Amino acid sequence: MVGKIEPRFGAEVYISDAGNICIKQDQGIREELILIFNEGEVDELIDLLNQAKRDLEEERRVVQENEEN
């Protein structure tokens, strides 16, 4: 396992035997739900997550700026 995000609906991130990046999230149900990304998709996933992070930071900045005015 590469890592685990805690505490709420913790996501486990690991590399499968086939070399894919896998993200598994325990949702308290019987069937496991796993997202599988091949090597070619990983960079795109990282870019999307970085863009989401930038968008969220900008949204927070605007909210804070509006609260200050």
Protein backbone atom coordinates (compact mmCIF):
# COMPACT_ATOMS: atom_id res chain seq x y z
CA MET A 1 0.00 0.00 0.00
CA VAL A 2 1.22 3.48 -0.85
CA GLY A 3 -0.99 5.34 1.60
CA LYS A 4 -4.33 5.81 3.26
CA ILE A 5 -6.38 8.97 3.69
CA GLU A 6 -8.17 9.11 7.04
CA PRO A 7 -10.57 9.46 8.78
CA ARG A 8 -13.83 9.90 6.85
CA PHE A 9 -14.42 7.16 4.29
CA GLY A 10 -10.67 6.52 4.23
CA ALA A 11 -9.26 5.85 0.78
CA GLU A 12 -6.50 3.31 0.36
CA VAL A 13 -4.11 3.96 -2.51
CA TYR A 14 -1.90 1.15 -3.75
CA ILE A 15 -0.12 -0.29 -6.78
CA SER A 16 -1.60 -3.57 -7.99
CA ASP A 17 0.41 -6.60 -9.05
CA ALA A 18 -0.30 -5.55 -12.66
CA GLY A 19 1.28 -2.12 -11.99
CA ASN A 20 -1.98 -0.14 -11.93
CA ILE A 21 -2.74 2.60 -9.41
CA CYS A 22 -5.75 1.55 -7.35
CA ILE A 23 -7.92 3.58 -5.01
CA LYS A 24 -10.23 1.66 -2.71
CA GLN A 25 -12.72 3.31 -0.41
CA ASP A 26 -14.49 1.46 2.39
CA GLN A 27 -18.12 2.50 2.30
CA GLY A 28 -19.36 -0.09 4.75
CA ILE A 29 -20.95 -2.29 2.12
CA ARG A 30 -20.20 -5.88 1.27
CA GLU A 31 -18.86 -5.26 -2.24
CA GLU A 32 -15.49 -3.48 -2.55
CA LEU A 33 -15.38 -0.48 -4.85
CA ILE A 34 -12.01 0.07 -6.49
CA LEU A 35 -10.94 2.68 -9.04
CA ILE A 36 -8.14 1.39 -11.26
CA PHE A 37 -5.88 3.69 -13.29
CA ASN A 38 -3.26 2.42 -15.69
CA GLU A 39 0.12 4.09 -15.93
CA GLY A 40 -0.99 6.32 -18.82
CA GLU A 41 -3.92 7.69 -16.81
CA VAL A 42 -1.99 8.57 -13.67
CA ASP A 43 -0.52 11.85 -14.95
CA GLU A 44 -3.96 12.93 -16.18
CA LEU A 45 -5.47 12.06 -12.79
CA ILE A 46 -2.80 14.08 -11.01
CA ASP A 47 -3.42 17.05 -13.33
CA LEU A 48 -7.17 16.87 -12.65
CA LEU A 49 -6.64 16.70 -8.89
CA ASN A 50 -4.21 19.63 -8.99
CA GLN A 51 -6.74 21.69 -10.99
CA ALA A 52 -9.48 20.81 -8.50
CA LYS A 53 -7.17 21.91 -5.68
CA ARG A 54 -6.44 25.24 -7.39
CA ASP A 55 -10.16 25.80 -8.02
CA LEU A 56 -10.99 25.05 -4.38
CA GLU A 57 -8.25 27.40 -3.15
CA GLU A 58 -9.59 30.16 -5.42
CA GLU A 59 -13.14 29.57 -4.19
CA ARG A 60 -11.97 29.79 -0.58
CA ARG A 61 -10.06 32.99 -1.34
CA VAL A 62 -13.14 34.60 -2.89
CA VAL A 63 -15.34 33.58 0.04
CA GLN A 64 -12.84 34.97 2.53
CA GLU A 65 -12.50 38.19 0.52
CA ASN A 66 -16.29 38.59 0.42
CA GLU A 67 -16.54 38.00 4.18
CA GLU A 68 -13.93 40.70 4.80
CA ASN A 69 -15.84 43.28 2.73
